[in-house]
Amino acid sequence: MFEEVEEGVQSLNSEEYLFYSVMCLEMDMSWGFLDYFNSRPELSKEIENHLERIGAKKYLALVKKAKPIYQQYQVLQEDDEELAEDAPSNNNDLLYELEEQLSELDDKYYRAEEKKSLKDFLLKYVKKNVGKFVDK
């Protein structure tokens, strides 16, 4: 099944892929940035460009803040996995601090959603560019 989804994603044009990636961010954020970046590494590479294109500046700023925190978290977590076999880790406090920073950004994301949802930006973009989404 995953292979079928992957083939479907690869067949999307650039506008359809933008729509897909922004909707994945919107759906995954119900669990927060940590889960989004863990579950969508391939989409997180393009999301900044896509948010900029649809004019979602506040969301773009949040992703830009969250991404380096997540990258640092990921490196520490990988270090922990390597060390787990040999010695106990000293990274737990730092990992917790990074999780807290991401959690604060999650809260800011949710507050932004209350004012103007990511779907609103996306729908406005689609309406302006409907010809790019419809086969001719």
N, C-alpha and C. Protein backbone atom coordinates (compact mmCIF):
# COMPACT_ATOMS: atom_id res chain seq x y z
N MET A 1 0.82 -1.19 0.00
CA MET A 1 0.00 0.00 0.00
C MET A 1 0.87 1.27 0.00
N PHE A 2 1.94 1.27 0.82
CA PHE A 2 2.81 2.43 0.88
C PHE A 2 3.42 2.73 -0.49
N GLU A 3 3.77 1.69 -1.22
CA GLU A 3 4.34 1.89 -2.55
C GLU A 3 3.35 2.56 -3.49
N GLU A 4 2.07 2.19 -3.38
CA GLU A 4 1.04 2.81 -4.21
C GLU A 4 0.90 4.29 -3.88
N VAL A 5 0.95 4.64 -2.61
CA VAL A 5 0.87 6.04 -2.21
C VAL A 5 2.08 6.78 -2.74
N GLU A 6 3.25 6.20 -2.60
CA GLU A 6 4.48 6.82 -3.08
C GLU A 6 4.42 7.06 -4.59
N GLU A 7 3.91 6.11 -5.34
CA GLU A 7 3.77 6.28 -6.79
C GLU A 7 2.79 7.41 -7.09
N GLY A 8 1.71 7.49 -6.33
CA GLY A 8 0.74 8.55 -6.52
C GLY A 8 1.32 9.93 -6.26
N VAL A 9 2.12 10.04 -5.21
CA VAL A 9 2.75 11.31 -4.88
C VAL A 9 3.72 11.71 -5.97
N GLN A 10 4.47 10.77 -6.49
CA GLN A 10 5.44 11.07 -7.54
C GLN A 10 4.77 11.52 -8.83
N SER A 11 3.52 11.16 -9.02
CA SER A 11 2.82 11.55 -10.25
C SER A 11 2.17 12.94 -10.16
N LEU A 12 2.24 13.58 -9.00
CA LEU A 12 1.63 14.89 -8.83
C LEU A 12 2.44 15.97 -9.54
N ASN A 13 1.73 16.95 -10.10
CA ASN A 13 2.45 18.11 -10.64
C ASN A 13 2.86 19.00 -9.47
N SER A 14 3.60 20.05 -9.72
CA SER A 14 4.15 20.86 -8.63
C SER A 14 3.05 21.51 -7.78
N GLU A 15 1.96 21.93 -8.38
CA GLU A 15 0.88 22.55 -7.62
C GLU A 15 0.14 21.52 -6.77
N GLU A 16 -0.09 20.35 -7.32
CA GLU A 16 -0.74 19.28 -6.57
C GLU A 16 0.14 18.84 -5.40
N TYR A 17 1.45 18.80 -5.63
CA TYR A 17 2.39 18.43 -4.57
C TYR A 17 2.39 19.48 -3.46
N LEU A 18 2.31 20.76 -3.85
CA LEU A 18 2.19 21.84 -2.87
C LEU A 18 0.95 21.60 -2.01
N PHE A 19 -0.17 21.36 -2.64
CA PHE A 19 -1.43 21.12 -1.92
C PHE A 19 -1.27 19.93 -0.97
N TYR A 20 -0.72 18.85 -1.47
CA TYR A 20 -0.51 17.63 -0.68
C TYR A 20 0.38 17.90 0.53
N SER A 21 1.50 18.59 0.31
CA SER A 21 2.44 18.80 1.41
C SER A 21 1.87 19.73 2.48
N VAL A 22 1.14 20.77 2.08
CA VAL A 22 0.55 21.67 3.06
C VAL A 22 -0.56 20.96 3.84
N MET A 23 -1.35 20.14 3.16
CA MET A 23 -2.40 19.39 3.87
C MET A 23 -1.79 18.37 4.84
N CYS A 24 -0.68 17.77 4.48
CA CYS A 24 -0.01 16.83 5.39
C CYS A 24 0.48 17.57 6.63
N LEU A 25 1.05 18.76 6.44
CA LEU A 25 1.48 19.55 7.60
C LEU A 25 0.28 19.85 8.48
N GLU A 26 -0.79 20.30 7.88
CA GLU A 26 -1.99 20.66 8.64
C GLU A 26 -2.52 19.45 9.41
N MET A 27 -2.57 18.30 8.79
CA MET A 27 -3.08 17.09 9.46
C MET A 27 -2.12 16.61 10.54
N ASP A 28 -0.84 16.58 10.25
CA ASP A 28 0.15 16.05 11.19
C ASP A 28 0.35 16.95 12.40
N MET A 29 0.05 18.22 12.25
CA MET A 29 0.27 19.14 13.37
C MET A 29 -0.71 18.90 14.52
N SER A 30 -1.69 18.05 14.33
CA SER A 30 -2.53 17.70 15.48
C SER A 30 -1.69 16.98 16.53
N TRP A 31 -0.53 16.44 16.12
CA TRP A 31 0.41 15.80 17.04
C TRP A 31 1.64 16.66 17.30
N GLY A 32 1.84 17.71 16.53
CA GLY A 32 2.94 18.63 16.79
C GLY A 32 4.11 18.48 15.81
N PHE A 33 5.03 19.44 15.93
CA PHE A 33 6.17 19.50 15.02
C PHE A 33 7.06 18.26 15.10
N LEU A 34 7.26 17.75 16.30
CA LEU A 34 8.13 16.59 16.45
C LEU A 34 7.62 15.42 15.62
N ASP A 35 6.34 15.15 15.70
CA ASP A 35 5.77 14.06 14.92
C ASP A 35 5.73 14.39 13.43
N TYR A 36 5.47 15.65 13.09
CA TYR A 36 5.47 16.03 11.67
C TYR A 36 6.84 15.75 11.04
N PHE A 37 7.89 16.26 11.66
CA PHE A 37 9.23 16.07 11.09
C PHE A 37 9.65 14.60 11.10
N ASN A 38 9.24 13.85 12.12
CA ASN A 38 9.56 12.42 12.17
C ASN A 38 8.85 11.65 11.07
N SER A 39 7.60 11.99 10.82
CA SER A 39 6.81 11.19 9.88
C SER A 39 6.88 11.69 8.43
N ARG A 40 7.32 12.92 8.21
CA ARG A 40 7.32 13.49 6.85
C ARG A 40 8.65 14.12 6.47
N PRO A 41 9.76 13.41 6.63
CA PRO A 41 11.05 14.05 6.30
C PRO A 41 11.14 14.50 4.84
N GLU A 42 10.52 13.74 3.95
CA GLU A 42 10.58 14.10 2.52
C GLU A 42 9.78 15.36 2.23
N LEU A 43 8.68 15.56 2.93
CA LEU A 43 7.86 16.75 2.71
C LEU A 43 8.43 17.97 3.42
N SER A 44 9.08 17.75 4.54
CA SER A 44 9.60 18.88 5.30
C SER A 44 10.69 19.63 4.55
N LYS A 45 11.27 19.00 3.54
CA LYS A 45 12.29 19.68 2.73
C LYS A 45 11.69 20.80 1.89
N GLU A 46 10.45 20.64 1.48
CA GLU A 46 9.80 21.60 0.58
C GLU A 46 8.78 22.50 1.28
N ILE A 47 8.44 22.21 2.52
CA ILE A 47 7.31 22.90 3.13
C ILE A 47 7.54 24.40 3.26
N GLU A 48 8.76 24.83 3.52
CA GLU A 48 9.01 26.27 3.65
C GLU A 48 8.66 26.99 2.34
N ASN A 49 9.10 26.45 1.23
CA ASN A 49 8.79 27.03 -0.07
C ASN A 49 7.28 27.05 -0.31
N HIS A 50 6.61 25.98 0.05
CA HIS A 50 5.17 25.89 -0.18
C HIS A 50 4.40 26.89 0.69
N LEU A 51 4.81 27.03 1.94
CA LEU A 51 4.13 27.99 2.82
C LEU A 51 4.35 29.42 2.33
N GLU A 52 5.54 29.69 1.83
CA GLU A 52 5.81 31.01 1.28
C GLU A 52 4.94 31.27 0.06
N ARG A 53 4.81 30.28 -0.80
CA ARG A 53 4.00 30.44 -2.03
C ARG A 53 2.53 30.70 -1.75
N ILE A 54 2.01 30.12 -0.68
CA ILE A 54 0.58 30.34 -0.38
C ILE A 54 0.37 31.54 0.53
N GLY A 55 1.45 32.20 0.93
CA GLY A 55 1.34 33.42 1.74
C GLY A 55 1.12 33.18 3.22
N ALA A 56 1.43 32.01 3.71
CA ALA A 56 1.23 31.67 5.13
C ALA A 56 2.49 32.03 5.92
N LYS A 57 2.72 33.34 6.09
CA LYS A 57 3.97 33.83 6.67
C LYS A 57 4.15 33.42 8.13
N LYS A 58 3.09 33.46 8.91
CA LYS A 58 3.21 33.10 10.32
C LYS A 58 3.57 31.62 10.46
N TYR A 59 2.96 30.79 9.64
CA TYR A 59 3.26 29.35 9.66
C TYR A 59 4.69 29.10 9.17
N LEU A 60 5.09 29.84 8.16
CA LEU A 60 6.45 29.72 7.65
C LEU A 60 7.46 30.06 8.74
N ALA A 61 7.22 31.13 9.48
CA ALA A 61 8.13 31.52 10.56
C ALA A 61 8.21 30.43 11.63
N LEU A 62 7.09 29.81 11.94
CA LEU A 62 7.08 28.74 12.94
C LEU A 62 7.87 27.52 12.46
N VAL A 63 7.69 27.15 11.21
CA VAL A 63 8.43 26.01 10.65
C VAL A 63 9.92 26.31 10.64
N LYS A 64 10.28 27.55 10.28
CA LYS A 64 11.69 27.92 10.24
C LYS A 64 12.31 27.86 11.64
N LYS A 65 11.54 28.16 12.66
CA LYS A 65 12.04 28.07 14.04
C LYS A 65 12.11 26.62 14.50
N ALA A 66 11.12 25.84 14.10
CA ALA A 66 11.04 24.45 14.58
C ALA A 66 12.06 23.53 13.92
N LYS A 67 12.35 23.77 12.66
CA LYS A 67 13.22 22.85 11.91
C LYS A 67 14.61 22.67 12.53
N PRO A 68 15.35 23.76 12.87
CA PRO A 68 16.67 23.54 13.46
C PRO A 68 16.61 22.91 14.86
N ILE A 69 15.55 23.20 15.59
CA ILE A 69 15.37 22.55 16.90
C ILE A 69 15.19 21.06 16.70
N TYR A 70 14.35 20.70 15.74
CA TYR A 70 14.13 19.28 15.45
C TYR A 70 15.43 18.63 14.98
N GLN A 71 16.19 19.30 14.13
CA GLN A 71 17.44 18.72 13.63
C GLN A 71 18.42 18.46 14.78
N GLN A 72 18.49 19.38 15.72
CA GLN A 72 19.34 19.17 16.89
C GLN A 72 18.82 18.00 17.72
N TYR A 73 17.51 17.94 17.88
CA TYR A 73 16.87 16.85 18.62
C TYR A 73 17.21 15.50 17.97
N GLN A 74 17.11 15.46 16.66
CA GLN A 74 17.36 14.22 15.92
C GLN A 74 18.81 13.76 16.10
N VAL A 75 19.76 14.69 16.05
CA VAL A 75 21.18 14.33 16.23
C VAL A 75 21.40 13.76 17.63
N LEU A 76 20.83 14.41 18.63
CA LEU A 76 20.99 13.92 20.01
C LEU A 76 20.34 12.55 20.19
N GLN A 77 19.20 12.38 19.57
CA GLN A 77 18.51 11.10 19.68
C GLN A 77 19.32 9.98 19.01
N GLU A 78 19.91 10.27 17.87
CA GLU A 78 20.76 9.29 17.19
C GLU A 78 21.99 8.98 18.03
N ASP A 79 22.56 10.01 18.67
CA ASP A 79 23.70 9.79 19.57
C ASP A 79 23.29 8.87 20.71
N ASP A 80 22.11 9.10 21.25
CA ASP A 80 21.60 8.26 22.34
C ASP A 80 21.49 6.81 21.90
N GLU A 81 20.98 6.59 20.70
CA GLU A 81 20.82 5.22 20.21
C GLU A 81 22.16 4.52 20.06
N GLU A 82 23.17 5.26 19.60
CA GLU A 82 24.51 4.68 19.45
C GLU A 82 25.14 4.40 20.81
N LEU A 83 24.92 5.30 21.77
CA LEU A 83 25.51 5.15 23.09
C LEU A 83 24.78 4.11 23.94
N ALA A 84 23.52 3.88 23.64
CA ALA A 84 22.71 3.00 24.47
C ALA A 84 23.35 1.63 24.68
N GLU A 85 24.07 1.17 23.68
CA GLU A 85 24.70 -0.14 23.79
C GLU A 85 25.92 -0.10 24.72
N ASP A 86 26.58 1.05 24.80
CA ASP A 86 27.83 1.14 25.54
C ASP A 86 27.70 1.80 26.92
N ALA A 87 26.93 2.89 26.98
CA ALA A 87 26.87 3.64 28.23
C ALA A 87 25.56 4.42 28.31
N PRO A 88 25.18 4.79 29.52
CA PRO A 88 23.97 5.61 29.64
C PRO A 88 24.19 7.00 29.02
N SER A 89 23.13 7.60 28.55
CA SER A 89 23.21 8.88 27.87
C SER A 89 23.12 10.04 28.85
N ASN A 90 23.76 11.13 28.50
CA ASN A 90 23.64 12.37 29.26
C ASN A 90 22.80 13.38 28.51
N ASN A 91 22.15 12.95 27.45
CA ASN A 91 21.39 13.86 26.59
C ASN A 91 19.94 14.05 27.03
N ASN A 92 19.48 13.32 28.02
CA ASN A 92 18.06 13.36 28.38
C ASN A 92 17.57 14.76 28.71
N ASP A 93 18.35 15.53 29.47
CA ASP A 93 17.93 16.88 29.83
C ASP A 93 17.83 17.77 28.61
N LEU A 94 18.79 17.66 27.73
CA LEU A 94 18.77 18.49 26.52
C LEU A 94 17.64 18.06 25.59
N LEU A 95 17.42 16.76 25.46
CA LEU A 95 16.30 16.28 24.64
C LEU A 95 14.97 16.81 25.19
N TYR A 96 14.83 16.77 26.49
CA TYR A 96 13.60 17.29 27.12
C TYR A 96 13.45 18.78 26.84
N GLU A 97 14.53 19.54 26.95
CA GLU A 97 14.49 20.98 26.69
C GLU A 97 14.07 21.25 25.24
N LEU A 98 14.62 20.49 24.32
CA LEU A 98 14.26 20.66 22.90
C LEU A 98 12.79 20.29 22.66
N GLU A 99 12.32 19.24 23.32
CA GLU A 99 10.91 18.87 23.21
C GLU A 99 10.02 20.00 23.72
N GLU A 100 10.44 20.64 24.82
CA GLU A 100 9.69 21.76 25.37
C GLU A 100 9.65 22.94 24.39
N GLN A 101 10.79 23.22 23.75
CA GLN A 101 10.83 24.30 22.76
C GLN A 101 9.89 24.01 21.60
N LEU A 102 9.88 22.77 21.14
CA LEU A 102 8.97 22.38 20.06
C LEU A 102 7.52 22.47 20.52
N SER A 103 7.27 22.09 21.75
CA SER A 103 5.92 22.16 22.30
C SER A 103 5.42 23.62 22.35
N GLU A 104 6.30 24.54 22.70
CA GLU A 104 5.93 25.96 22.70
C GLU A 104 5.58 26.42 21.28
N LEU A 105 6.33 25.96 20.30
CA LEU A 105 6.03 26.30 18.90
C LEU A 105 4.73 25.64 18.45
N ASP A 106 4.46 24.44 18.95
CA ASP A 106 3.17 23.79 18.67
C ASP A 106 2.03 24.67 19.14
N ASP A 107 2.17 25.19 20.36
CA ASP A 107 1.12 26.05 20.93
C ASP A 107 0.91 27.30 20.08
N LYS A 108 2.00 27.88 19.60
CA LYS A 108 1.90 29.07 18.73
C LYS A 108 1.19 28.70 17.42
N TYR A 109 1.49 27.53 16.91
CA TYR A 109 0.83 27.05 15.69
C TYR A 109 -0.68 26.94 15.93
N TYR A 110 -1.07 26.35 17.04
CA TYR A 110 -2.49 26.16 17.33
C TYR A 110 -3.20 27.51 17.50
N ARG A 111 -2.52 28.47 18.12
CA ARG A 111 -3.11 29.81 18.26
C ARG A 111 -3.28 30.46 16.89
N ALA A 112 -2.29 30.27 16.02
CA ALA A 112 -2.40 30.82 14.66
C ALA A 112 -3.57 30.18 13.92
N GLU A 113 -3.77 28.88 14.12
CA GLU A 113 -4.89 28.16 13.48
C GLU A 113 -6.23 28.74 13.90
N GLU A 114 -6.31 29.19 15.15
CA GLU A 114 -7.57 29.77 15.64
C GLU A 114 -7.90 31.06 14.92
N LYS A 115 -6.88 31.81 14.50
CA LYS A 115 -7.10 33.10 13.82
C LYS A 115 -7.35 32.92 12.34
N LYS A 116 -6.47 32.17 11.69
CA LYS A 116 -6.62 31.90 10.25
C LYS A 116 -5.94 30.58 9.97
N SER A 117 -6.72 29.62 9.56
CA SER A 117 -6.19 28.27 9.39
C SER A 117 -5.32 28.15 8.15
N LEU A 118 -4.47 27.17 8.18
CA LEU A 118 -3.63 26.86 7.03
C LEU A 118 -4.49 26.51 5.82
N LYS A 119 -5.62 25.86 6.07
CA LYS A 119 -6.54 25.53 4.98
C LYS A 119 -7.05 26.79 4.29
N ASP A 120 -7.28 27.86 5.06
CA ASP A 120 -7.74 29.12 4.47
C ASP A 120 -6.72 29.67 3.47
N PHE A 121 -5.45 29.64 3.86
CA PHE A 121 -4.40 30.10 2.95
C PHE A 121 -4.34 29.22 1.71
N LEU A 122 -4.45 27.93 1.92
CA LEU A 122 -4.36 26.99 0.82
C LEU A 122 -5.53 27.15 -0.15
N LEU A 123 -6.74 27.28 0.38
CA LEU A 123 -7.91 27.46 -0.49
C LEU A 123 -7.85 28.75 -1.29
N LYS A 124 -7.36 29.81 -0.65
CA LYS A 124 -7.21 31.08 -1.36
C LYS A 124 -6.21 30.92 -2.51
N TYR A 125 -5.12 30.20 -2.25
CA TYR A 125 -4.11 29.96 -3.27
C TYR A 125 -4.69 29.14 -4.43
N VAL A 126 -5.43 28.11 -4.09
CA VAL A 126 -6.01 27.25 -5.13
C VAL A 126 -6.99 28.06 -5.99
N LYS A 127 -7.82 28.87 -5.35
CA LYS A 127 -8.77 29.69 -6.11
C LYS A 127 -8.07 30.62 -7.09
N LYS A 128 -6.95 31.20 -6.65
CA LYS A 128 -6.19 32.11 -7.52
C LYS A 128 -5.50 31.37 -8.66
N ASN A 129 -5.19 30.09 -8.43
CA ASN A 129 -4.38 29.32 -9.38
C ASN A 129 -5.10 28.07 -9.86
N VAL A 130 -6.40 28.11 -9.92
CA VAL A 130 -7.19 26.92 -10.23
C VAL A 130 -6.77 26.27 -11.54
N GLY A 131 -6.35 27.04 -12.51
CA GLY A 131 -5.94 26.50 -13.79
C GLY A 131 -4.74 25.56 -13.69
N LYS A 132 -3.92 25.74 -12.68
CA LYS A 132 -2.75 24.87 -12.48
C LYS A 132 -3.13 23.53 -11.84
N PHE A 133 -4.34 23.46 -11.32
CA PHE A 133 -4.80 22.26 -10.65
C PHE A 133 -5.74 21.41 -11.51
N VAL A 134 -6.17 21.97 -12.63
CA VAL A 134 -7.13 21.29 -13.50
C VAL A 134 -6.45 20.90 -14.79
N ASP A 135 -6.63 19.65 -15.18
CA ASP A 135 -6.09 19.19 -16.47
C ASP A 135 -6.76 19.93 -17.60
N LYS A 136 -5.97 20.30 -18.57
CA LYS A 136 -6.52 21.02 -19.73
C LYS A 136 -6.62 20.11 -20.92
